[in-house]
Amino acid sequence: MPQLNPHPWFYIMITSWLTLSLIIQPKILSFLPTNQIHDKPYMNNKTHPWTWPWT
């Protein structure tokens, strides 16, 4: 069964993993996010119980 021969597929997997982790990932991580996180004051919203018409 040729599916059980890992020789060509293992090489392709290792090559693609190394390409992703060593070349593509640092390029993607170097971008700055467009929306910076700002410290917002915590607002305590009070919730009110809903008065159901049938109770």
N, C-alpha and C. Protein backbone atom coordinates (compact mmCIF):
# COMPACT_ATOMS: atom_id res chain seq x y z
N MET A 1 0.84 -1.18 0.00
CA MET A 1 0.00 0.00 0.00
C MET A 1 0.89 1.25 0.00
N PRO A 2 0.75 2.10 -0.96
CA PRO A 2 1.65 3.26 -1.05
C PRO A 2 1.37 4.33 0.00
N GLN A 3 0.18 4.34 0.60
CA GLN A 3 -0.11 5.34 1.62
C GLN A 3 0.78 5.18 2.85
N LEU A 4 1.25 3.96 3.07
CA LEU A 4 2.04 3.69 4.26
C LEU A 4 3.51 4.07 4.12
N ASN A 5 3.91 4.45 2.95
CA ASN A 5 5.28 4.86 2.74
C ASN A 5 5.40 6.35 3.13
N PRO A 6 6.06 6.68 4.24
CA PRO A 6 6.09 8.06 4.70
C PRO A 6 7.16 8.92 4.05
N HIS A 7 7.94 8.31 3.18
CA HIS A 7 9.09 9.06 2.66
C HIS A 7 8.71 10.37 1.96
N PRO A 8 7.91 10.44 0.94
CA PRO A 8 7.67 11.74 0.30
C PRO A 8 6.81 12.66 1.15
N TRP A 9 5.84 12.12 1.89
CA TRP A 9 4.92 12.96 2.64
C TRP A 9 5.56 13.53 3.89
N PHE A 10 6.46 12.78 4.49
CA PHE A 10 7.14 13.29 5.68
C PHE A 10 8.04 14.47 5.30
N TYR A 11 8.72 14.38 4.20
CA TYR A 11 9.58 15.47 3.73
C TYR A 11 8.74 16.71 3.43
N ILE A 12 7.61 16.54 2.80
CA ILE A 12 6.74 17.67 2.49
C ILE A 12 6.20 18.29 3.77
N MET A 13 5.82 17.48 4.73
CA MET A 13 5.31 18.00 6.00
C MET A 13 6.37 18.80 6.74
N ILE A 14 7.57 18.27 6.84
CA ILE A 14 8.66 18.96 7.53
C ILE A 14 9.02 20.26 6.82
N THR A 15 9.07 20.24 5.52
CA THR A 15 9.39 21.45 4.75
C THR A 15 8.33 22.52 4.93
N SER A 16 7.08 22.16 4.87
CA SER A 16 6.02 23.14 5.04
C SER A 16 5.98 23.66 6.47
N TRP A 17 6.21 22.81 7.46
CA TRP A 17 6.23 23.25 8.85
C TRP A 17 7.38 24.22 9.09
N LEU A 18 8.55 23.92 8.57
CA LEU A 18 9.69 24.82 8.74
C LEU A 18 9.47 26.15 8.02
N THR A 19 8.87 26.09 6.84
CA THR A 19 8.58 27.33 6.11
C THR A 19 7.61 28.18 6.90
N LEU A 20 6.60 27.59 7.43
CA LEU A 20 5.63 28.34 8.22
C LEU A 20 6.25 28.92 9.48
N SER A 21 6.99 28.11 10.22
CA SER A 21 7.48 28.56 11.51
C SER A 21 8.68 29.48 11.42
N LEU A 22 9.51 29.35 10.40
CA LEU A 22 10.72 30.16 10.34
C LEU A 22 10.61 31.37 9.42
N ILE A 23 9.73 31.34 8.45
CA ILE A 23 9.67 32.43 7.49
C ILE A 23 8.36 33.21 7.60
N ILE A 24 7.25 32.51 7.55
CA ILE A 24 5.96 33.20 7.48
C ILE A 24 5.53 33.73 8.85
N GLN A 25 5.68 32.96 9.88
CA GLN A 25 5.21 33.38 11.20
C GLN A 25 5.90 34.65 11.69
N PRO A 26 7.21 34.83 11.61
CA PRO A 26 7.81 36.09 12.06
C PRO A 26 7.32 37.29 11.24
N LYS A 27 7.06 37.10 9.97
CA LYS A 27 6.56 38.21 9.16
C LYS A 27 5.16 38.61 9.60
N ILE A 28 4.33 37.63 9.92
CA ILE A 28 2.98 37.94 10.36
C ILE A 28 3.00 38.58 11.75
N LEU A 29 3.85 38.10 12.63
CA LEU A 29 3.90 38.63 13.99
C LEU A 29 4.53 40.02 14.05
N SER A 30 5.22 40.45 13.01
CA SER A 30 5.83 41.77 13.05
C SER A 30 4.83 42.89 12.82
N PHE A 31 3.64 42.58 12.29
CA PHE A 31 2.63 43.59 12.08
C PHE A 31 2.04 44.04 13.41
N LEU A 32 1.77 45.32 13.49
CA LEU A 32 1.11 45.86 14.67
C LEU A 32 -0.39 45.83 14.45
N PRO A 33 -1.13 45.55 15.49
CA PRO A 33 -2.59 45.56 15.31
C PRO A 33 -3.08 46.99 15.08
N THR A 34 -4.10 47.13 14.29
CA THR A 34 -4.61 48.47 13.97
C THR A 34 -5.40 49.06 15.12
N ASN A 35 -6.05 48.24 15.91
CA ASN A 35 -6.83 48.73 17.04
C ASN A 35 -6.06 48.43 18.33
N GLN A 36 -5.49 49.46 18.88
CA GLN A 36 -4.76 49.29 20.12
C GLN A 36 -5.75 49.15 21.28
N ILE A 37 -5.38 48.39 22.27
CA ILE A 37 -6.22 48.20 23.44
C ILE A 37 -6.03 49.40 24.36
N HIS A 38 -7.14 49.99 24.75
CA HIS A 38 -7.09 51.14 25.65
C HIS A 38 -7.67 50.73 26.99
N ASP A 39 -7.13 51.35 28.02
CA ASP A 39 -7.67 51.09 29.35
C ASP A 39 -8.94 51.90 29.52
N LYS A 40 -10.03 51.21 29.67
CA LYS A 40 -11.31 51.88 29.87
C LYS A 40 -11.70 51.69 31.34
N PRO A 41 -12.32 52.70 31.90
CA PRO A 41 -12.78 52.52 33.28
C PRO A 41 -13.90 51.48 33.33
N TYR A 42 -13.89 50.76 34.39
CA TYR A 42 -14.90 49.72 34.55
C TYR A 42 -16.22 50.38 34.89
N MET A 43 -17.23 50.07 34.13
CA MET A 43 -18.55 50.62 34.38
C MET A 43 -19.45 49.50 34.91
N ASN A 44 -19.97 49.73 36.09
CA ASN A 44 -20.84 48.73 36.69
C ASN A 44 -22.26 48.98 36.21
N ASN A 45 -22.72 48.15 35.32
CA ASN A 45 -24.08 48.29 34.81
C ASN A 45 -25.03 47.53 35.72
N LYS A 46 -26.01 48.24 36.21
CA LYS A 46 -27.00 47.58 37.05
C LYS A 46 -28.07 46.96 36.17
N THR A 47 -28.38 45.75 36.47
CA THR A 47 -29.43 45.08 35.73
C THR A 47 -30.71 45.12 36.55
N HIS A 48 -31.81 45.22 35.85
CA HIS A 48 -33.11 45.25 36.52
C HIS A 48 -33.87 44.00 36.12
N PRO A 49 -34.56 43.39 37.06
CA PRO A 49 -35.31 42.19 36.70
C PRO A 49 -36.47 42.55 35.78
N TRP A 50 -36.75 41.66 34.92
CA TRP A 50 -37.83 41.86 33.97
C TRP A 50 -39.15 41.44 34.62
N THR A 51 -40.11 42.34 34.59
CA THR A 51 -41.40 42.00 35.15
C THR A 51 -42.24 41.34 34.06
N TRP A 52 -42.49 40.08 34.26
CA TRP A 52 -43.24 39.32 33.27
C TRP A 52 -44.73 39.62 33.42
N PRO A 53 -45.44 39.75 32.32
CA PRO A 53 -46.85 40.12 32.44
C PRO A 53 -47.74 39.02 33.02
N TRP A 54 -47.29 37.78 32.98
CA TRP A 54 -48.17 36.69 33.45
C TRP A 54 -47.85 36.25 34.88
N THR A 55 -46.98 36.99 35.58
CA THR A 55 -46.69 36.60 36.97
C THR A 55 -47.31 37.54 37.93
